[in-house]
Amino acid sequence: MKTSLVLKRIGFYILSLTWGVITSFIGLIVIAICACFKKVHVYHGRLYAVIGEGWGGVSLGCFFVCGLDCQRDVIMSHECGHGLQNIIFGPFAIFLVYIPSVIRYWYREYFWRNNREKYHTFPPYDAIWFEGQATRWGYQYIIPDKI
């Protein structure tokens, strides 16, 4: 493993466990519970668990959880992008990124499932800044560098 890659991972975890400690601590608890019942996986240096299917993923600081059918680069790198937002915004990520993301996800799910004919033209998922940024950062910093 390259020295620069090791340093990037160390820096990521130091920032996640200091500036982004609130969500990373919650993520650590979730991953520890999942490890008791399921296998925990590694994606480019990030621990993640798989729960259910058909729902996407959720980032919890430097950890994430995703559905069985969502184990592909487009979703997993996006969740890692949220992890990068966590180290940039720190505790403010909860209010700037995580809560709005959860509300937006469930709003879209509710209206899509209950009013499919009326709401068939939602804007793209990445149209809002925090989702688009997570996808861009995931592609830019996770996939090309193989972090």
Protein backbone atom coordinates (compact mmCIF):
# COMPACT_ATOMS: atom_id res chain seq x y z
CA MET A 1 0.00 0.00 0.00
CA LYS A 2 1.34 3.43 -0.93
CA THR A 3 2.50 5.73 1.85
CA SER A 4 0.23 8.55 0.63
CA LEU A 5 -2.79 6.22 0.75
CA VAL A 6 -1.96 5.19 4.31
CA LEU A 7 -1.58 8.83 5.34
CA LYS A 8 -4.92 9.75 3.72
CA ARG A 9 -6.68 6.97 5.60
CA ILE A 10 -5.04 7.87 8.90
CA GLY A 11 -5.97 11.54 8.39
CA PHE A 12 -9.54 10.60 7.50
CA TYR A 13 -9.99 8.55 10.66
CA ILE A 14 -8.29 11.13 12.90
CA LEU A 15 -10.63 13.84 11.59
CA SER A 16 -13.64 11.49 11.75
CA LEU A 17 -12.94 10.56 15.36
CA THR A 18 -12.25 14.14 16.48
CA TRP A 19 -14.06 16.85 14.47
CA GLY A 20 -16.69 14.38 13.22
CA VAL A 21 -16.90 12.33 16.42
CA ILE A 22 -20.65 12.64 17.01
CA THR A 23 -21.81 10.80 13.90
CA SER A 24 -18.74 8.54 13.84
CA PHE A 25 -19.49 7.40 17.40
CA ILE A 26 -23.08 6.58 16.41
CA GLY A 27 -21.68 4.73 13.38
CA LEU A 28 -19.25 2.79 15.56
CA ILE A 29 -22.12 1.63 17.77
CA VAL A 30 -24.17 0.56 14.74
CA ILE A 31 -21.21 -1.27 13.16
CA ALA A 32 -20.41 -3.00 16.48
CA ILE A 33 -24.02 -4.19 16.81
CA CYS A 34 -24.04 -5.35 13.19
CA ALA A 35 -20.74 -7.18 13.74
CA CYS A 36 -22.45 -9.27 16.43
CA PHE A 37 -25.03 -10.55 13.95
CA LYS A 38 -23.64 -10.00 10.46
CA LYS A 39 -20.36 -9.79 8.66
CA VAL A 40 -18.85 -6.31 8.49
CA HIS A 41 -17.16 -5.43 5.18
CA VAL A 42 -14.49 -2.97 4.07
CA TYR A 43 -14.87 -0.59 1.12
CA HIS A 44 -11.77 1.45 0.32
CA GLY A 45 -10.76 1.54 3.97
CA ARG A 46 -14.26 2.21 5.38
CA LEU A 47 -16.17 -0.33 7.47
CA TYR A 48 -19.75 -0.98 6.42
CA ALA A 49 -22.55 -3.42 7.12
CA VAL A 50 -25.28 -4.75 4.87
CA ILE A 51 -28.85 -4.74 6.16
CA GLY A 52 -31.88 -5.70 4.08
CA GLU A 53 -32.26 -4.60 0.50
CA GLY A 54 -34.03 -2.09 -1.71
CA TRP A 55 -33.34 1.01 0.37
CA GLY A 56 -29.94 2.48 -0.56
CA GLY A 57 -27.55 3.44 2.20
CA VAL A 58 -26.88 5.67 5.18
CA SER A 59 -23.61 7.24 6.22
CA LEU A 60 -22.72 7.37 9.89
CA GLY A 61 -19.51 9.37 10.06
CA CYS A 62 -16.63 7.20 8.90
CA PHE A 63 -18.89 4.12 8.69
CA PHE A 64 -21.93 3.32 6.58
CA VAL A 65 -24.74 0.81 6.16
CA CYS A 66 -26.30 -0.18 2.86
CA GLY A 67 -28.79 -2.60 1.39
CA LEU A 68 -27.71 -5.90 -0.16
CA ASP A 69 -28.63 -4.74 -3.66
CA CYS A 70 -26.74 -1.45 -3.20
CA GLN A 71 -23.24 -2.86 -2.91
CA ARG A 72 -21.90 -1.07 -5.98
CA ASP A 73 -19.52 1.81 -6.48
CA VAL A 74 -22.15 4.44 -7.31
CA ILE A 75 -23.91 4.11 -3.94
CA MET A 76 -21.00 3.09 -1.75
CA SER A 77 -18.77 5.90 -2.99
CA HIS A 78 -21.68 8.32 -2.45
CA GLU A 79 -21.93 7.22 1.19
CA CYS A 80 -18.17 7.67 1.53
CA GLY A 81 -18.68 11.18 0.14
CA HIS A 82 -20.99 11.84 3.10
CA GLY A 83 -18.14 10.62 5.32
CA LEU A 84 -15.92 13.27 3.74
CA GLN A 85 -18.61 15.89 4.42
CA ASN A 86 -18.50 14.76 8.04
CA ILE A 87 -14.80 15.57 8.36
CA ILE A 88 -15.26 18.96 6.66
CA PHE A 89 -18.41 20.14 8.44
CA GLY A 90 -17.86 18.25 11.71
CA PRO A 91 -20.79 18.48 14.12
CA PHE A 92 -22.55 20.90 11.75
CA ALA A 93 -22.89 18.05 9.22
CA ILE A 94 -25.74 16.71 11.33
CA PHE A 95 -27.82 19.82 10.52
CA LEU A 96 -26.36 20.71 7.13
CA VAL A 97 -26.24 17.24 5.59
CA TYR A 98 -27.55 14.28 7.58
CA ILE A 99 -30.96 15.47 8.84
CA PRO A 100 -31.89 17.19 5.53
CA SER A 101 -30.75 14.09 3.63
CA VAL A 102 -32.91 11.75 5.73
CA ILE A 103 -35.95 14.05 5.45
CA ARG A 104 -35.49 14.39 1.70
CA TYR A 105 -35.04 10.63 1.21
CA TRP A 106 -38.23 9.77 3.11
CA TYR A 107 -40.20 12.59 1.45
CA ARG A 108 -39.26 11.21 -1.95
CA GLU A 109 -39.99 7.63 -0.89
CA TYR A 110 -43.42 8.51 0.52
CA PHE A 111 -44.59 10.49 -2.48
CA TRP A 112 -43.11 8.08 -4.99
CA ARG A 113 -44.79 5.05 -3.43
CA ASN A 114 -48.17 6.68 -2.72
CA ASN A 115 -48.56 9.05 -5.69
CA ARG A 116 -46.48 7.53 -8.46
CA GLU A 117 -48.56 9.02 -11.27
CA LYS A 118 -48.48 12.56 -9.90
CA TYR A 119 -44.82 12.62 -8.77
CA HIS A 120 -43.14 10.72 -11.60
CA THR A 121 -40.83 13.63 -12.40
CA PHE A 122 -38.82 14.24 -9.25
CA PRO A 123 -35.63 16.21 -9.73
CA PRO A 124 -32.52 14.01 -9.83
CA TYR A 125 -31.36 12.72 -6.45
CA ASP A 126 -28.14 14.75 -6.70
CA ALA A 127 -29.96 17.99 -7.56
CA ILE A 128 -29.66 19.27 -3.99
CA TRP A 129 -26.18 20.45 -3.00
CA PHE A 130 -25.37 18.00 -0.20
CA GLU A 131 -26.29 14.90 -2.24
CA GLY A 132 -24.52 16.14 -5.37
CA GLN A 133 -21.45 17.05 -3.34
CA ALA A 134 -21.37 13.60 -1.70
CA THR A 135 -21.54 11.92 -5.12
CA ARG A 136 -18.88 14.20 -6.63
CA TRP A 137 -16.52 13.81 -3.67
CA GLY A 138 -17.10 10.06 -3.61
CA TYR A 139 -16.19 9.75 -7.28
CA GLN A 140 -13.34 12.24 -7.04
CA TYR A 141 -11.66 11.08 -3.84
CA ILE A 142 -12.78 7.50 -3.29
CA ILE A 143 -12.95 5.71 -6.62
CA PRO A 144 -9.99 7.20 -8.56
CA ASP A 145 -7.53 7.09 -5.66
CA LYS A 146 -8.70 3.67 -4.50
CA ILE A 147 -8.86 4.94 -0.93
